[in-house]
N, C-alpha and C. Protein backbone atom coordinates (compact mmCIF):
# COMPACT_ATOMS: atom_id res chain seq x y z
N MET A 1 0.84 -1.17 0.00
CA MET A 1 0.00 0.00 0.00
C MET A 1 0.89 1.25 0.00
N ALA A 2 0.53 2.22 -0.78
CA ALA A 2 1.33 3.44 -0.91
C ALA A 2 1.16 4.33 0.31
N ARG A 3 2.22 5.09 0.58
CA ARG A 3 2.15 6.05 1.67
C ARG A 3 1.28 7.23 1.26
N PRO A 4 0.63 7.86 2.23
CA PRO A 4 -0.11 9.08 1.88
C PRO A 4 0.86 10.19 1.48
N ARG A 5 0.38 11.07 0.66
CA ARG A 5 1.22 12.16 0.17
C ARG A 5 1.60 13.08 1.33
N ALA A 6 2.88 13.37 1.45
CA ALA A 6 3.37 14.22 2.54
C ALA A 6 3.60 15.63 2.03
N THR A 7 3.43 16.58 2.92
CA THR A 7 3.78 17.96 2.61
C THR A 7 4.91 18.37 3.55
N TYR A 8 5.81 19.17 3.03
CA TYR A 8 6.99 19.56 3.78
C TYR A 8 7.05 21.09 3.86
N THR A 9 7.51 21.57 4.98
CA THR A 9 7.62 23.02 5.16
C THR A 9 8.84 23.53 4.40
N ALA A 10 8.86 24.82 4.18
CA ALA A 10 9.99 25.44 3.49
C ALA A 10 11.27 25.27 4.31
N GLU A 11 11.15 25.36 5.63
CA GLU A 11 12.33 25.20 6.49
C GLU A 11 12.91 23.79 6.37
N PHE A 12 12.03 22.79 6.30
CA PHE A 12 12.48 21.41 6.16
C PHE A 12 13.22 21.24 4.83
N LYS A 13 12.64 21.80 3.77
CA LYS A 13 13.26 21.68 2.45
C LYS A 13 14.63 22.37 2.43
N LEU A 14 14.68 23.57 3.01
CA LEU A 14 15.96 24.29 3.04
C LEU A 14 17.01 23.54 3.85
N SER A 15 16.61 22.97 4.99
CA SER A 15 17.59 22.23 5.79
C SER A 15 18.06 20.98 5.06
N ALA A 16 17.16 20.34 4.33
CA ALA A 16 17.55 19.15 3.56
C ALA A 16 18.55 19.52 2.46
N VAL A 17 18.29 20.60 1.77
CA VAL A 17 19.20 21.03 0.71
C VAL A 17 20.52 21.48 1.30
N LYS A 18 20.51 22.14 2.45
CA LYS A 18 21.76 22.57 3.09
C LYS A 18 22.60 21.36 3.50
N MET A 19 21.94 20.26 3.89
CA MET A 19 22.69 19.04 4.22
C MET A 19 23.46 18.55 2.99
N ILE A 20 22.84 18.69 1.83
CA ILE A 20 23.49 18.23 0.61
C ILE A 20 24.60 19.19 0.19
N THR A 21 24.29 20.49 0.22
CA THR A 21 25.26 21.47 -0.30
C THR A 21 26.34 21.83 0.71
N ASP A 22 25.97 22.14 1.94
CA ASP A 22 26.95 22.60 2.94
C ASP A 22 27.74 21.45 3.56
N GLN A 23 27.03 20.38 3.94
CA GLN A 23 27.70 19.27 4.61
C GLN A 23 28.28 18.27 3.62
N LYS A 24 28.03 18.49 2.33
CA LYS A 24 28.57 17.63 1.26
C LYS A 24 28.14 16.17 1.42
N LEU A 25 26.91 15.97 1.88
CA LEU A 25 26.39 14.61 1.97
C LEU A 25 25.77 14.22 0.64
N ALA A 26 25.76 12.93 0.37
CA ALA A 26 25.16 12.43 -0.86
C ALA A 26 23.64 12.54 -0.78
N VAL A 27 23.02 12.70 -1.93
CA VAL A 27 21.57 12.80 -1.98
C VAL A 27 20.93 11.53 -1.41
N ALA A 28 21.50 10.40 -1.73
CA ALA A 28 20.95 9.13 -1.23
C ALA A 28 21.03 9.06 0.30
N GLU A 29 22.12 9.55 0.87
CA GLU A 29 22.28 9.53 2.33
C GLU A 29 21.25 10.43 3.00
N VAL A 30 21.07 11.63 2.47
CA VAL A 30 20.08 12.55 3.05
C VAL A 30 18.68 11.98 2.88
N ALA A 31 18.42 11.35 1.76
CA ALA A 31 17.11 10.75 1.52
C ALA A 31 16.82 9.67 2.55
N ARG A 32 17.81 8.84 2.85
CA ARG A 32 17.62 7.80 3.87
C ARG A 32 17.41 8.41 5.25
N ARG A 33 18.20 9.43 5.59
CA ARG A 33 18.10 10.04 6.92
C ARG A 33 16.74 10.71 7.14
N LEU A 34 16.24 11.37 6.11
CA LEU A 34 15.00 12.13 6.25
C LEU A 34 13.76 11.38 5.78
N ASP A 35 13.95 10.19 5.23
CA ASP A 35 12.86 9.38 4.70
C ASP A 35 12.08 10.16 3.62
N VAL A 36 12.86 10.68 2.67
CA VAL A 36 12.33 11.45 1.54
C VAL A 36 12.90 10.82 0.28
N GLY A 37 12.16 10.88 -0.81
CA GLY A 37 12.63 10.33 -2.07
C GLY A 37 13.82 11.09 -2.63
N GLU A 38 14.71 10.35 -3.28
CA GLU A 38 15.91 10.97 -3.85
C GLU A 38 15.55 11.97 -4.94
N ASN A 39 14.60 11.62 -5.80
CA ASN A 39 14.23 12.53 -6.89
C ASN A 39 13.64 13.83 -6.34
N LEU A 40 12.88 13.72 -5.26
CA LEU A 40 12.30 14.91 -4.64
C LEU A 40 13.41 15.82 -4.11
N LEU A 41 14.43 15.22 -3.49
CA LEU A 41 15.57 16.00 -3.01
C LEU A 41 16.31 16.67 -4.15
N ARG A 42 16.45 15.96 -5.25
CA ARG A 42 17.11 16.57 -6.42
C ARG A 42 16.31 17.76 -6.95
N GLN A 43 14.99 17.64 -6.94
CA GLN A 43 14.14 18.77 -7.38
C GLN A 43 14.31 19.95 -6.44
N TRP A 44 14.33 19.69 -5.16
CA TRP A 44 14.51 20.77 -4.17
C TRP A 44 15.87 21.44 -4.36
N LYS A 45 16.89 20.63 -4.58
CA LYS A 45 18.24 21.17 -4.76
C LYS A 45 18.30 22.05 -6.01
N LYS A 46 17.70 21.58 -7.10
CA LYS A 46 17.70 22.37 -8.34
C LYS A 46 16.95 23.68 -8.14
N ALA A 47 15.79 23.63 -7.46
CA ALA A 47 15.03 24.86 -7.20
C ALA A 47 15.83 25.81 -6.33
N PHE A 48 16.53 25.28 -5.35
CA PHE A 48 17.35 26.12 -4.46
C PHE A 48 18.50 26.77 -5.22
N LEU A 49 19.15 26.01 -6.08
CA LEU A 49 20.26 26.56 -6.84
C LEU A 49 19.78 27.60 -7.85
N ASP A 50 18.58 27.42 -8.38
CA ASP A 50 18.04 28.38 -9.35
C ASP A 50 17.56 29.67 -8.69
N ARG A 51 16.86 29.54 -7.54
CA ARG A 51 16.20 30.70 -6.95
C ARG A 51 16.66 31.06 -5.55
N GLY A 52 17.54 30.31 -4.97
CA GLY A 52 18.04 30.63 -3.62
C GLY A 52 17.00 30.38 -2.54
N ASP A 53 17.01 31.21 -1.51
CA ASP A 53 16.10 31.03 -0.38
C ASP A 53 14.64 31.24 -0.76
N ALA A 54 14.36 31.89 -1.87
CA ALA A 54 12.99 32.13 -2.32
C ALA A 54 12.44 30.95 -3.12
N ALA A 55 13.14 29.84 -3.11
CA ALA A 55 12.72 28.69 -3.92
C ALA A 55 11.46 28.03 -3.41
N PHE A 56 11.17 28.16 -2.13
CA PHE A 56 10.03 27.48 -1.54
C PHE A 56 9.10 28.50 -0.89
N PRO A 57 8.24 29.13 -1.68
CA PRO A 57 7.41 30.21 -1.14
C PRO A 57 6.29 29.72 -0.23
N GLY A 58 5.88 28.48 -0.34
CA GLY A 58 4.79 27.98 0.49
C GLY A 58 3.44 28.16 -0.17
N HIS A 59 2.39 27.78 0.54
CA HIS A 59 1.05 27.81 -0.04
C HIS A 59 0.49 29.23 -0.11
N GLY A 60 0.82 30.07 0.84
CA GLY A 60 0.19 31.37 0.93
C GLY A 60 0.84 32.44 0.09
N SER A 61 2.07 32.25 -0.34
CA SER A 61 2.74 33.31 -1.09
C SER A 61 3.44 32.72 -2.31
N PRO A 62 2.74 32.61 -3.42
CA PRO A 62 3.38 32.07 -4.63
C PRO A 62 4.42 33.04 -5.17
N ALA A 63 5.30 32.53 -5.97
CA ALA A 63 6.34 33.37 -6.56
C ALA A 63 5.69 34.41 -7.47
N PRO A 64 6.31 35.59 -7.60
CA PRO A 64 5.73 36.63 -8.46
C PRO A 64 5.52 36.17 -9.89
N ALA A 65 6.39 35.33 -10.39
CA ALA A 65 6.22 34.82 -11.76
C ALA A 65 4.96 33.98 -11.85
N ASP A 66 4.65 33.20 -10.81
CA ASP A 66 3.44 32.39 -10.82
C ASP A 66 2.19 33.25 -10.80
N ASP A 67 2.24 34.36 -10.05
CA ASP A 67 1.12 35.30 -10.04
C ASP A 67 0.89 35.87 -11.42
N GLU A 68 1.97 36.26 -12.07
CA GLU A 68 1.87 36.86 -13.40
C GLU A 68 1.30 35.85 -14.40
N VAL A 69 1.76 34.60 -14.34
CA VAL A 69 1.27 33.57 -15.25
C VAL A 69 -0.23 33.35 -15.03
N GLY A 70 -0.66 33.29 -13.80
CA GLY A 70 -2.09 33.11 -13.51
C GLY A 70 -2.92 34.26 -14.02
N ARG A 71 -2.42 35.48 -13.83
CA ARG A 71 -3.15 36.65 -14.30
C ARG A 71 -3.24 36.66 -15.82
N LEU A 72 -2.15 36.31 -16.49
CA LEU A 72 -2.16 36.29 -17.95
C LEU A 72 -3.05 35.19 -18.51
N ARG A 73 -3.09 34.05 -17.86
CA ARG A 73 -3.98 32.98 -18.32
C ARG A 73 -5.44 33.39 -18.19
N ALA A 74 -5.78 34.05 -17.10
CA ALA A 74 -7.15 34.53 -16.93
C ALA A 74 -7.49 35.56 -18.01
N GLU A 75 -6.55 36.43 -18.33
CA GLU A 75 -6.79 37.43 -19.36
C GLU A 75 -6.96 36.79 -20.73
N VAL A 76 -6.17 35.76 -21.02
CA VAL A 76 -6.30 35.05 -22.30
C VAL A 76 -7.67 34.41 -22.41
N THR A 77 -8.14 33.80 -21.33
CA THR A 77 -9.47 33.18 -21.33
C THR A 77 -10.56 34.22 -21.60
N ARG A 78 -10.44 35.37 -20.93
CA ARG A 78 -11.43 36.43 -21.12
C ARG A 78 -11.40 36.96 -22.55
N LEU A 79 -10.22 37.16 -23.10
CA LEU A 79 -10.10 37.68 -24.46
C LEU A 79 -10.62 36.69 -25.50
N LYS A 80 -10.41 35.40 -25.28
CA LYS A 80 -10.95 34.40 -26.20
C LYS A 80 -12.47 34.41 -26.18
N ALA A 81 -13.06 34.57 -25.00
CA ALA A 81 -14.52 34.64 -24.90
C ALA A 81 -15.04 35.86 -25.65
N GLU A 82 -14.37 37.01 -25.48
CA GLU A 82 -14.78 38.22 -26.19
C GLU A 82 -14.65 38.04 -27.70
N ARG A 83 -13.56 37.43 -28.14
CA ARG A 83 -13.35 37.20 -29.57
C ARG A 83 -14.45 36.32 -30.15
N ASP A 84 -14.79 35.25 -29.44
CA ASP A 84 -15.82 34.35 -29.93
C ASP A 84 -17.17 35.05 -30.01
N LEU A 85 -17.47 35.89 -29.03
CA LEU A 85 -18.73 36.64 -29.05
C LEU A 85 -18.77 37.60 -30.24
N LEU A 86 -17.67 38.28 -30.50
CA LEU A 86 -17.61 39.20 -31.63
C LEU A 86 -17.72 38.48 -32.96
N LYS A 87 -17.15 37.28 -33.07
CA LYS A 87 -17.28 36.50 -34.29
C LYS A 87 -18.74 36.15 -34.56
N LYS A 88 -19.44 35.73 -33.51
CA LYS A 88 -20.85 35.38 -33.65
C LYS A 88 -21.69 36.59 -34.02
N ALA A 89 -21.39 37.73 -33.41
CA ALA A 89 -22.14 38.95 -33.71
C ALA A 89 -21.88 39.39 -35.15
N ALA A 90 -20.65 39.31 -35.60
CA ALA A 90 -20.33 39.70 -36.97
C ALA A 90 -21.03 38.79 -37.97
N ALA A 91 -21.07 37.50 -37.68
CA ALA A 91 -21.76 36.57 -38.58
C ALA A 91 -23.26 36.84 -38.59
N TYR A 92 -23.82 37.18 -37.46
CA TYR A 92 -25.26 37.46 -37.36
C TYR A 92 -25.63 38.70 -38.18
N PHE A 93 -24.84 39.76 -38.00
CA PHE A 93 -25.16 41.00 -38.70
C PHE A 93 -24.77 40.97 -40.17
N ALA A 94 -23.87 40.08 -40.57
CA ALA A 94 -23.48 39.98 -41.98
C ALA A 94 -24.46 39.17 -42.81
N SER A 95 -25.26 38.34 -42.16
CA SER A 95 -26.21 37.52 -42.91
C SER A 95 -27.41 38.38 -43.32
N PRO A 96 -27.96 38.12 -44.51
CA PRO A 96 -29.12 38.91 -44.96
C PRO A 96 -30.37 38.59 -44.12
N PRO A 97 -31.21 39.56 -43.92
CA PRO A 97 -32.43 39.30 -43.12
C PRO A 97 -33.38 38.39 -43.87
N THR A 98 -34.10 37.57 -43.15
CA THR A 98 -35.06 36.67 -43.79
C THR A 98 -36.48 37.00 -43.41
């Protein structure tokens, strides 16, 4: 039976990555010590190396880039709806009256 999905705090993730980077421990060793998957640790390490301490914003404060992406996706959805409405209106008014 599979384990339930675990959530980890930003502090836990940072301490795990610091064990790998500062203490020069192997990813496999840290994974065994913390009972975390090796691939998950590699993802955390990559995120830390890319973005530093801001790599793990948590649930309440997404990264500014994520906010921008969400806002742009919502705008694209709204603009597509407006475009489709205008297409239908143009087709309606272009057809001859019956």
